[in-house]
């Protein structure tokens, strides 16, 4: 296209023991001025359901069925940055972490913080630092180099912490987490 390049990718969301839950298309448009737009579409998939087999044997197809996910914990994307991207500014619910079902202690406004301060030291590490009802977020280095995520028409959720979801799940206590060496930005359409 004139002034921008588009990359289109088709992919599926599926669990290891089931067929496709969603058929998805992501379309990334990269503009000459540095803007990147992402549009994702998702359709319910159809596939094979599998019977549970005792003793960890290989699953066997049970029947052809249309499958619908009734509960999806999170729908978004995760990006890793160098730890020098350690500043976050945003317009949304803050200054504390907030979620669709837990935001009474937060209020709408413009906030700034260090990424390491967004991490909450729960006894058992877990995803944290989410900001619900956000309209823009700016992750950046001290010199201003960074990434702006925005949506003028619909709010989104985000978090910027120094750990991946896998690192959080694999630690039993926060002091077992590795020394922070990156910034993990999670941008979500919705999170339950």
Protein backbone atom coordinates (compact mmCIF):
# COMPACT_ATOMS: atom_id res chain seq x y z
CA UNK A 1 0.00 0.00 0.00
CA UNK A 2 1.05 3.61 -0.38
CA UNK A 3 2.84 4.76 2.77
CA UNK A 4 2.49 1.54 4.74
CA UNK A 5 3.13 -2.19 4.72
CA UNK A 6 0.62 -4.79 5.89
CA UNK A 7 1.49 -8.20 7.31
CA UNK A 8 -1.39 -10.66 7.64
CA UNK A 9 -1.23 -13.81 9.74
CA UNK A 10 -3.83 -16.55 10.22
CA UNK A 11 -3.64 -18.60 13.41
CA UNK A 12 -5.76 -20.61 15.82
CA UNK A 13 -6.32 -20.75 19.54
CA UNK A 14 -6.57 -24.32 20.75
CA UNK A 15 -5.83 -26.44 23.80
CA UNK A 16 -3.37 -29.35 23.45
CA UNK A 17 -6.08 -32.02 23.78
CA UNK A 18 -8.75 -30.33 21.67
CA UNK A 19 -9.11 -28.90 18.23
CA UNK A 20 -9.56 -25.24 17.32
CA UNK A 21 -11.53 -22.99 19.66
CA UNK A 22 -11.02 -19.87 17.54
CA UNK A 23 -9.79 -19.22 14.00
CA UNK A 24 -8.06 -15.85 14.06
CA UNK A 25 -6.51 -13.33 11.69
CA UNK A 26 -4.09 -10.61 12.74
CA UNK A 27 -3.33 -7.77 10.38
CA UNK A 28 -0.37 -5.55 11.28
CA UNK A 29 -0.01 -2.27 9.34
CA UNK A 30 3.32 -0.44 9.68
CA UNK A 31 3.22 3.19 8.54
CA UNK A 32 6.09 5.39 7.35
CA UNK A 33 5.69 7.69 10.38
CA UNK A 34 6.36 4.75 12.75
CA UNK A 35 2.75 3.97 13.74
CA UNK A 36 1.73 0.34 13.89
CA UNK A 37 -1.92 -0.69 13.80
CA UNK A 38 -3.12 -4.17 14.76
CA UNK A 39 -6.55 -5.53 13.87
CA UNK A 40 -7.56 -9.01 15.07
CA UNK A 41 -10.66 -10.95 14.08
CA UNK A 42 -11.75 -14.19 15.71
CA UNK A 43 -14.38 -16.77 14.76
CA UNK A 44 -15.49 -19.79 16.74
CA UNK A 45 -13.76 -22.89 15.41
CA UNK A 46 -14.98 -26.40 14.78
CA UNK A 47 -13.03 -29.52 15.43
CA UNK A 48 -12.66 -32.83 17.14
CA UNK A 49 -13.25 -33.31 20.85
CA UNK A 50 -11.11 -35.88 22.65
CA UNK A 51 -12.02 -38.41 25.32
CA UNK A 52 -9.97 -38.43 28.50
CA UNK A 53 -7.85 -41.59 28.59
CA UNK A 54 -6.52 -43.02 31.90
CA UNK A 55 -2.78 -43.50 32.54
CA UNK A 56 -1.72 -40.57 30.33
CA UNK A 57 -2.21 -42.49 27.10
CA UNK A 58 -2.62 -40.74 23.75
CA UNK A 59 -6.07 -39.12 23.49
CA UNK A 60 -8.55 -40.65 21.04
CA UNK A 61 -10.98 -38.54 18.95
CA UNK A 62 -14.51 -38.84 20.33
CA UNK A 63 -16.67 -36.97 17.85
CA UNK A 64 -16.80 -34.04 15.48
CA UNK A 65 -18.30 -31.11 17.35
CA UNK A 66 -18.57 -27.33 17.34
CA UNK A 67 -16.84 -26.05 20.46
CA UNK A 68 -17.47 -22.80 22.28
CA UNK A 69 -15.33 -21.42 25.07
CA UNK A 70 -17.62 -20.16 27.81
CA UNK A 71 -14.80 -18.65 29.87
CA UNK A 72 -11.66 -17.02 28.54
CA UNK A 73 -9.35 -15.62 31.23
CA UNK A 74 -7.55 -13.17 28.96
CA UNK A 75 -7.52 -12.05 25.33
CA UNK A 76 -4.54 -9.95 24.29
CA UNK A 77 -0.85 -10.04 23.50
CA UNK A 78 2.40 -9.99 25.46
CA UNK A 79 5.56 -8.20 24.33
CA UNK A 80 9.03 -8.27 25.91
CA UNK A 81 11.31 -5.22 25.93
CA UNK A 82 14.79 -4.50 27.20
CA UNK A 83 14.77 -3.50 30.88
CA UNK A 84 15.78 0.06 29.89
CA UNK A 85 12.09 0.51 28.95
CA UNK A 86 11.34 1.10 32.61
CA UNK A 87 8.86 3.99 32.62
CA UNK A 88 5.11 3.72 32.11
CA UNK A 89 2.68 6.61 31.64
CA UNK A 90 -1.00 5.96 31.02
CA UNK A 91 -4.50 7.37 31.03
CA UNK A 92 -6.84 4.93 32.70
CA UNK A 93 -7.75 3.56 36.10
CA UNK A 94 -4.94 3.99 38.62
CA UNK A 95 -2.73 4.54 40.47
CA UNK A 96 -3.25 1.03 41.91
CA UNK A 97 -3.79 -2.09 39.84
CA UNK A 98 -7.39 -2.50 38.73
CA UNK A 99 -9.57 -5.14 37.09
CA UNK A 100 -13.12 -5.27 35.73
CA UNK A 101 -14.32 -6.71 39.05
CA UNK A 102 -11.89 -4.86 41.36
CA UNK A 103 -11.39 -1.17 40.69
CA UNK A 104 -13.13 0.69 43.51
CA UNK A 105 -9.82 1.90 45.00
CA UNK A 106 -8.74 3.33 41.62
CA UNK A 107 -9.86 6.39 39.71
CA UNK A 108 -9.58 7.68 36.13
CA UNK A 109 -6.56 9.87 35.47
CA UNK A 110 -3.08 10.23 33.98
CA UNK A 111 -0.45 8.29 35.93
CA UNK A 112 3.30 7.62 35.72
CA UNK A 113 5.34 4.91 37.40
CA UNK A 114 8.47 2.79 37.17
CA UNK A 115 7.87 -0.71 35.80
CA UNK A 116 9.46 -2.31 38.88
CA UNK A 117 6.96 -0.44 41.08
CA UNK A 118 4.06 -1.92 39.10
CA UNK A 119 4.96 -5.42 40.37
CA UNK A 120 3.08 -6.46 43.51
CA UNK A 121 4.98 -8.85 45.83
CA UNK A 122 2.23 -11.33 46.61
CA UNK A 123 3.31 -14.29 48.77
CA UNK A 124 2.63 -16.56 45.79
CA UNK A 125 3.69 -14.70 42.62
CA UNK A 126 0.87 -14.06 40.15
CA UNK A 127 0.01 -11.71 37.34
CA UNK A 128 -0.44 -8.21 38.72
CA UNK A 129 -0.22 -4.53 37.90
CA UNK A 130 -3.18 -4.60 35.52
CA UNK A 131 -4.84 -1.29 34.65
CA UNK A 132 -8.46 -1.59 33.55
CA UNK A 133 -10.33 0.95 31.42
CA UNK A 134 -7.18 2.44 29.82
CA UNK A 135 -7.22 4.64 26.72
CA UNK A 136 -3.48 5.03 26.15
CA UNK A 137 -0.23 3.72 27.63
CA UNK A 138 3.31 4.89 26.89
CA UNK A 139 6.17 2.52 27.76
CA UNK A 140 9.50 4.31 27.39
CA UNK A 141 13.15 4.70 28.23
CA UNK A 142 14.50 7.68 30.18
CA UNK A 143 15.35 9.41 26.86
CA UNK A 144 11.72 9.19 25.67
CA UNK A 145 12.19 6.36 23.16
CA UNK A 146 9.20 4.10 23.51
CA UNK A 147 5.94 2.59 22.41
CA UNK A 148 2.48 4.16 22.65
CA UNK A 149 -0.54 1.86 22.75
CA UNK A 150 -3.85 3.64 22.23
CA UNK A 151 -7.46 3.12 21.29
CA UNK A 152 -9.68 6.18 21.04
CA UNK A 153 -12.94 4.26 20.66
CA UNK A 154 -12.68 1.51 23.27
CA UNK A 155 -10.74 1.11 26.50
CA UNK A 156 -8.28 -1.76 26.95
CA UNK A 157 -6.31 -3.27 29.82
CA UNK A 158 -2.54 -3.44 30.24
CA UNK A 159 0.24 -4.28 32.64
CA UNK A 160 3.97 -3.54 32.51
CA UNK A 161 6.02 -5.62 34.95
CA UNK A 162 9.48 -7.23 34.86
CA UNK A 163 8.26 -10.87 34.67
CA UNK A 164 6.53 -13.16 32.19
CA UNK A 165 3.41 -15.12 33.20
CA UNK A 166 5.52 -18.33 33.07
CA UNK A 167 8.11 -16.91 35.47
CA UNK A 168 5.34 -15.92 37.88
CA UNK A 169 3.65 -19.34 37.69
CA UNK A 170 6.91 -21.24 38.22
CA UNK A 171 7.89 -19.44 41.43
CA UNK A 172 6.36 -20.42 44.76
CA UNK A 173 7.48 -17.18 46.48
CA UNK A 174 8.37 -13.76 45.08
CA UNK A 175 11.99 -14.05 46.29
CA UNK A 176 12.40 -17.08 43.98
CA UNK A 177 11.84 -14.91 40.90
CA UNK A 178 14.89 -14.14 38.75
CA UNK A 179 16.60 -10.76 38.91
CA UNK A 180 14.55 -8.41 36.68
CA UNK A 181 16.21 -8.17 33.24
CA UNK A 182 13.33 -7.14 30.96
CA UNK A 183 10.00 -5.36 30.79
CA UNK A 184 6.93 -7.42 29.91
CA UNK A 185 4.06 -5.42 28.43
CA UNK A 186 0.70 -7.17 28.31
CA UNK A 187 -2.03 -5.43 26.32
CA UNK A 188 -5.45 -7.02 26.58
CA UNK A 189 -8.78 -6.48 24.89
CA UNK A 190 -10.43 -8.06 27.92
CA UNK A 191 -9.40 -9.90 31.06
CA UNK A 192 -11.80 -11.68 33.39
